[in-house]
C-alpha cells in the first residue's frame, strides 16, 4: 500500500513537471506607439537588436528549464539587449535565477544586456546587488507600476538610449 502511494505521488509530480514544461510559451512584444503587440519570439538575436519578451506559464522547475531552451540565442550577435517582462510574478524559483543568471552572462559575453521589467519588489529584494555580483551577473531592473506595460516601455526606452550611445561610440572605445 505504501509503495502504491509513493508511486502515485512520483507519477503525479512527473506529470506536473511535464505540464509546466509544455505550457510555457515565450512571445516577443513589439512596441507600436504606446502599445505592445505580441508576435513570435525570435530563435536568435541580431546585432544591436532590442527584444522584449513575455513568458506565459510557470517559471518553476521544469518551466524555468524550458524557458532556458526557448530564450533567443545571443551567440554570433553583437550588443543585443533583451527585456524580459515579469509582471504578475511575485516569486520565482532558484532554478529560474540560475537560468536568468546564465542568460545574462551569455548576453554580457557578446556585449549585450538583460533588463527585467515589471519586477515585483519581493523578487528584487531577493536578487540583491551582492547576490548578482557573487554570480558575476549584471541585470537592469524596472519595478512594476500600477500602469500595465509602463515599466516595460521604460526598459525599452532605456535600452534604445544605450543602444544608440553604443552605436555612436568609435570602435576604439568599445
C-alpha atoms as a PDB file:
ATOM      1  CA  UNK A   1       0.000   0.000   0.000  1.00  0.00           C
ATOM      2  CA  UNK A   2       2.771   2.438   0.942  1.00  0.00           C
ATOM      3  CA  UNK A   3       4.624   1.663  -2.287  1.00  0.00           C
ATOM      4  CA  UNK A   4       1.494   2.369  -4.315  1.00  0.00           C
ATOM      5  CA  UNK A   5       1.070   5.760  -2.651  1.00  0.00           C
ATOM      6  CA  UNK A   6       4.749   6.558  -3.285  1.00  0.00           C
ATOM      7  CA  UNK A   7       4.447   5.582  -6.942  1.00  0.00           C
ATOM      8  CA  UNK A   8       1.282   7.661  -7.252  1.00  0.00           C
ATOM      9  CA  UNK A   9       2.992  10.710  -5.758  1.00  0.00           C
ATOM     10  CA  UNK A  10       6.033  10.265  -8.023  1.00  0.00           C
ATOM     11  CA  UNK A  11       3.861   9.917 -11.140  1.00  0.00           C
ATOM     12  CA  UNK A  12       1.802  12.947 -10.155  1.00  0.00           C
ATOM     13  CA  UNK A  13       4.969  15.009  -9.710  1.00  0.00           C
ATOM     14  CA  UNK A  14       6.338  13.884 -13.084  1.00  0.00           C
ATOM     15  CA  UNK A  15       3.068  14.768 -14.798  1.00  0.00           C
ATOM     16  CA  UNK A  16       3.037  18.196 -13.125  1.00  0.00           C
ATOM     17  CA  UNK A  17       6.634  18.927 -14.178  1.00  0.00           C
ATOM     18  CA  UNK A  18       5.894  17.793 -17.729  1.00  0.00           C
ATOM     19  CA  UNK A  19       2.784  20.012 -17.847  1.00  0.00           C
ATOM     20  CA  UNK A  20       4.817  23.035 -16.670  1.00  0.00           C
ATOM     21  CA  UNK A  21       7.303  22.479 -19.491  1.00  0.00           C
ATOM     22  CA  UNK A  22       4.586  22.014 -22.120  1.00  0.00           C
ATOM     23  CA  UNK A  23       2.546  25.047 -21.024  1.00  0.00           C
ATOM     24  CA  UNK A  24       5.428  27.527 -21.206  1.00  0.00           C
ATOM     25  CA  UNK A  25       5.285  29.960 -24.125  1.00  0.00           C
ATOM     26  CA  UNK A  26       7.652  32.832 -24.925  1.00  0.00           C
ATOM     27  CA  UNK A  27       6.436  35.693 -27.123  1.00  0.00           C
ATOM     28  CA  UNK A  28       8.030  38.847 -28.405  1.00  0.00           C
ATOM     29  CA  UNK A  29       6.378  42.186 -27.704  1.00  0.00           C
ATOM     30  CA  UNK A  30       6.836  44.799 -30.423  1.00  0.00           C
ATOM     31  CA  UNK A  31       6.434  48.446 -29.494  1.00  0.00           C
ATOM     32  CA  UNK A  32       3.743  50.200 -31.514  1.00  0.00           C
ATOM     33  CA  UNK A  33       3.460  53.740 -30.160  1.00  0.00           C
ATOM     34  CA  UNK A  34       2.413  53.280 -26.565  1.00  0.00           C
ATOM     35  CA  UNK A  35       1.159  49.717 -27.098  1.00  0.00           C
ATOM     36  CA  UNK A  36       2.832  46.322 -27.044  1.00  0.00           C
ATOM     37  CA  UNK A  37       1.905  43.850 -29.797  1.00  0.00           C
ATOM     38  CA  UNK A  38       2.563  40.098 -29.429  1.00  0.00           C
ATOM     39  CA  UNK A  39       4.454  38.310 -32.205  1.00  0.00           C
ATOM     40  CA  UNK A  40       6.553  35.149 -32.365  1.00  0.00           C
ATOM     41  CA  UNK A  41       9.779  35.243 -30.379  1.00  0.00           C
ATOM     42  CA  UNK A  42      12.978  35.033 -32.420  1.00  0.00           C
ATOM     43  CA  UNK A  43      15.200  31.964 -32.164  1.00  0.00           C
ATOM     44  CA  UNK A  44      18.371  34.066 -32.324  1.00  0.00           C
ATOM     45  CA  UNK A  45      19.339  37.661 -31.648  1.00  0.00           C
ATOM     46  CA  UNK A  46      20.780  40.127 -34.156  1.00  0.00           C
ATOM     47  CA  UNK A  47      23.411  42.831 -33.768  1.00  0.00           C
ATOM     48  CA  UNK A  48      22.245  45.815 -31.678  1.00  0.00           C
ATOM     49  CA  UNK A  49      18.734  44.380 -31.540  1.00  0.00           C
ATOM     50  CA  UNK A  50      16.352  45.208 -28.688  1.00  0.00           C
ATOM     51  CA  UNK A  51      13.940  42.367 -27.990  1.00  0.00           C
ATOM     52  CA  UNK A  52      11.116  42.476 -25.461  1.00  0.00           C
ATOM     53  CA  UNK A  53       9.967  39.039 -24.315  1.00  0.00           C
ATOM     54  CA  UNK A  54       6.984  37.952 -22.270  1.00  0.00           C
ATOM     55  CA  UNK A  55       6.512  34.491 -20.816  1.00  0.00           C
ATOM     56  CA  UNK A  56       3.281  32.581 -20.293  1.00  0.00           C
ATOM     57  CA  UNK A  57       3.363  29.647 -17.917  1.00  0.00           C
ATOM     58  CA  UNK A  58       5.155  28.517 -14.823  1.00  0.00           C
ATOM     59  CA  UNK A  59       8.755  29.550 -14.224  1.00  0.00           C
ATOM     60  CA  UNK A  60       9.304  26.961 -11.515  1.00  0.00           C
ATOM     61  CA  UNK A  61      11.489  23.884 -12.001  1.00  0.00           C
ATOM     62  CA  UNK A  62      10.764  22.371 -15.433  1.00  0.00           C
ATOM     63  CA  UNK A  63       9.193  25.612 -16.659  1.00  0.00           C
ATOM     64  CA  UNK A  64      12.421  27.508 -15.940  1.00  0.00           C
ATOM     65  CA  UNK A  65      14.461  24.898 -17.803  1.00  0.00           C
ATOM     66  CA  UNK A  66      12.067  25.110 -20.748  1.00  0.00           C
ATOM     67  CA  UNK A  67      12.482  28.890 -20.710  1.00  0.00           C
ATOM     68  CA  UNK A  68      16.245  28.396 -20.923  1.00  0.00           C
ATOM     69  CA  UNK A  69      15.798  26.487 -24.182  1.00  0.00           C
ATOM     70  CA  UNK A  70      13.299  28.980 -25.631  1.00  0.00           C
ATOM     71  CA  UNK A  71      15.191  32.213 -24.969  1.00  0.00           C
ATOM     72  CA  UNK A  72      16.702  33.668 -28.173  1.00  0.00           C
ATOM     73  CA  UNK A  73      20.328  32.640 -28.652  1.00  0.00           C
ATOM     74  CA  UNK A  74      22.736  35.606 -28.431  1.00  0.00           C
ATOM     75  CA  UNK A  75      25.633  33.664 -29.975  1.00  0.00           C
ATOM     76  CA  UNK A  76      27.005  35.488 -33.008  1.00  0.00           C
ATOM     77  CA  UNK A  77      25.197  38.753 -32.237  1.00  0.00           C
ATOM     78  CA  UNK A  78      26.863  41.966 -31.083  1.00  0.00           C
ATOM     79  CA  UNK A  79      25.358  44.076 -28.284  1.00  0.00           C
ATOM     80  CA  UNK A  80      21.767  42.762 -28.247  1.00  0.00           C
ATOM     81  CA  UNK A  81      19.511  43.905 -25.418  1.00  0.00           C
ATOM     82  CA  UNK A  82      16.765  41.665 -24.072  1.00  0.00           C
ATOM     83  CA  UNK A  83      13.924  42.999 -21.924  1.00  0.00           C
ATOM     84  CA  UNK A  84      12.193  40.135 -20.118  1.00  0.00           C
ATOM     85  CA  UNK A  85       8.776  41.062 -18.735  1.00  0.00           C
ATOM     86  CA  UNK A  86       7.958  39.529 -15.332  1.00  0.00           C
ATOM     87  CA  UNK A  87       4.772  41.399 -14.447  1.00  0.00           C
ATOM     88  CA  UNK A  88       2.446  39.457 -12.166  1.00  0.00           C
ATOM     89  CA  UNK A  89       5.108  37.125 -10.825  1.00  0.00           C
ATOM     90  CA  UNK A  90       5.512  37.506  -7.087  1.00  0.00           C
ATOM     91  CA  UNK A  91       8.058  34.734  -6.624  1.00  0.00           C
ATOM     92  CA  UNK A  92      10.458  32.749  -8.752  1.00  0.00           C
ATOM     93  CA  UNK A  93      12.458  29.601  -8.151  1.00  0.00           C
ATOM     94  CA  UNK A  94      16.178  29.130  -7.611  1.00  0.00           C
ATOM     95  CA  UNK A  95      16.166  27.313 -10.960  1.00  0.00           C
ATOM     96  CA  UNK A  96      14.761  30.441 -12.607  1.00  0.00           C
ATOM     97  CA  UNK A  97      17.516  32.536 -11.018  1.00  0.00           C
ATOM     98  CA  UNK A  98      20.121  30.092 -12.377  1.00  0.00           C
ATOM     99  CA  UNK A  99      18.590  30.248 -15.870  1.00  0.00           C
ATOM    100  CA  UNK A 100      18.433  34.061 -15.844  1.00  0.00           C
ATOM    101  CA  UNK A 101      21.962  34.416 -14.460  1.00  0.00           C
ATOM    102  CA  UNK A 102      23.291  32.135 -17.199  1.00  0.00           C
ATOM    103  CA  UNK A 103      21.405  34.082 -19.879  1.00  0.00           C
ATOM    104  CA  UNK A 104      22.649  37.423 -18.534  1.00  0.00           C
ATOM    105  CA  UNK A 105      26.243  36.123 -18.698  1.00  0.00           C
ATOM    106  CA  UNK A 106      25.694  34.895 -22.281  1.00  0.00           C
ATOM    107  CA  UNK A 107      24.374  38.317 -23.279  1.00  0.00           C
ATOM    108  CA  UNK A 108      27.244  40.053 -21.478  1.00  0.00           C
ATOM    109  CA  UNK A 109      29.743  37.873 -23.348  1.00  0.00           C
ATOM    110  CA  UNK A 110      28.594  39.420 -26.659  1.00  0.00           C
ATOM    111  CA  UNK A 111      28.353  42.973 -25.274  1.00  0.00           C
ATOM    112  CA  UNK A 112      24.632  42.673 -24.630  1.00  0.00           C
ATOM    113  CA  UNK A 113      22.413  43.332 -21.641  1.00  0.00           C
ATOM    114  CA  UNK A 114      19.474  41.809 -19.821  1.00  0.00           C
ATOM    115  CA  UNK A 115      16.718  44.036 -18.442  1.00  0.00           C
ATOM    116  CA  UNK A 116      13.887  42.679 -16.295  1.00  0.00           C
ATOM    117  CA  UNK A 117      10.675  44.715 -16.325  1.00  0.00           C
ATOM    118  CA  UNK A 118       7.531  44.541 -14.241  1.00  0.00           C
ATOM    119  CA  UNK A 119       9.586  43.230 -11.336  1.00  0.00           C
ATOM    120  CA  UNK A 120       7.742  42.698  -8.057  1.00  0.00           C
ATOM    121  CA  UNK A 121       9.587  44.249  -5.073  1.00  0.00           C
ATOM    122  CA  UNK A 122       9.825  40.824  -3.397  1.00  0.00           C
ATOM    123  CA  UNK A 123      11.812  39.462  -6.330  1.00  0.00           C
ATOM    124  CA  UNK A 124      14.087  42.495  -6.432  1.00  0.00           C
ATOM    125  CA  UNK A 125      14.631  42.312  -2.668  1.00  0.00           C
ATOM    126  CA  UNK A 126      15.768  38.703  -3.036  1.00  0.00           C
ATOM    127  CA  UNK A 127      18.040  39.430  -6.021  1.00  0.00           C
ATOM    128  CA  UNK A 128      20.356  41.776  -4.162  1.00  0.00           C
ATOM    129  CA  UNK A 129      23.257  43.507  -5.865  1.00  0.00           C
ATOM    130  CA  UNK A 130      25.572  41.356  -3.732  1.00  0.00           C
ATOM    131  CA  UNK A 131      23.917  38.131  -4.931  1.00  0.00           C
ATOM    132  CA  UNK A 132      24.168  39.233  -8.559  1.00  0.00           C
ATOM    133  CA  UNK A 133      27.811  40.269  -8.152  1.00  0.00           C
ATOM    134  CA  UNK A 134      28.641  36.938  -6.482  1.00  0.00           C
ATOM    135  CA  UNK A 135      27.295  35.189  -9.597  1.00  0.00           C
ATOM    136  CA  UNK A 136      29.033  37.584 -11.994  1.00  0.00           C
ATOM    137  CA  UNK A 137      25.730  38.900 -13.302  1.00  0.00           C
ATOM    138  CA  UNK A 138      24.630  42.359 -14.448  1.00  0.00           C
ATOM    139  CA  UNK A 139      20.879  42.863 -14.759  1.00  0.00           C
ATOM    140  CA  UNK A 140      18.868  46.074 -15.011  1.00  0.00           C
ATOM    141  CA  UNK A 141      15.616  46.047 -13.020  1.00  0.00           C
ATOM    142  CA  UNK A 142      12.448  48.040 -13.728  1.00  0.00           C
ATOM    143  CA  UNK A 143       9.856  47.709 -10.952  1.00  0.00           C
ATOM    144  CA  UNK A 144       6.229  47.038 -11.740  1.00  0.00           C
ATOM    145  CA  UNK A 145       3.944  50.052 -11.617  1.00  0.00           C
ATOM    146  CA  UNK A 146       0.138  50.247 -11.431  1.00  0.00           C
ATOM    147  CA  UNK A 147       0.077  51.005 -15.179  1.00  0.00           C
ATOM    148  CA  UNK A 148       0.387  47.794 -17.216  1.00  0.00           C
ATOM    149  CA  UNK A 149       3.306  47.995 -19.649  1.00  0.00           C
ATOM    150  CA  UNK A 150       4.803  51.138 -18.144  1.00  0.00           C
ATOM    151  CA  UNK A 151       7.958  49.517 -16.761  1.00  0.00           C
ATOM    152  CA  UNK A 152       8.441  47.522 -19.972  1.00  0.00           C
ATOM    153  CA  UNK A 153       8.209  50.670 -22.085  1.00  0.00           C
ATOM    154  CA  UNK A 154      10.627  52.400 -19.673  1.00  0.00           C
ATOM    155  CA  UNK A 155      13.075  49.489 -20.045  1.00  0.00           C
ATOM    156  CA  UNK A 156      12.702  49.673 -23.824  1.00  0.00           C
ATOM    157  CA  UNK A 157      13.336  53.437 -23.834  1.00  0.00           C
ATOM    158  CA  UNK A 158      16.459  52.988 -21.704  1.00  0.00           C
ATOM    159  CA  UNK A 159      17.645  50.167 -23.974  1.00  0.00           C
ATOM    160  CA  UNK A 160      17.229  52.440 -27.006  1.00  0.00           C
ATOM    161  CA  UNK A 161      19.321  55.143 -25.320  1.00  0.00           C
ATOM    162  CA  UNK A 162      22.050  52.618 -24.508  1.00  0.00           C
ATOM    163  CA  UNK A 163      21.994  51.058 -27.969  1.00  0.00           C
ATOM    164  CA  UNK A 164      22.179  54.492 -29.604  1.00  0.00           C
ATOM    165  CA  UNK A 165      25.045  55.561 -27.333  1.00  0.00           C
ATOM    166  CA  UNK A 166      26.914  52.291 -28.044  1.00  0.00           C
ATOM    167  CA  UNK A 167      26.375  52.656 -31.779  1.00  0.00           C
ATOM    168  CA  UNK A 168      27.756  56.217 -31.787  1.00  0.00           C
ATOM    169  CA  UNK A 169      30.950  55.291 -29.921  1.00  0.00           C
ATOM    170  CA  UNK A 170      34.057  54.812 -32.077  1.00  0.00           C
ATOM    171  CA  UNK A 171      35.218  51.197 -32.436  1.00  0.00           C
ATOM    172  CA  UNK A 172      38.384  52.050 -30.472  1.00  0.00           C
ATOM    173  CA  UNK A 173      36.260  52.822 -27.376  1.00  0.00           C
ATOM    174  CA  UNK A 174      34.136  49.662 -27.452  1.00  0.00           C
END
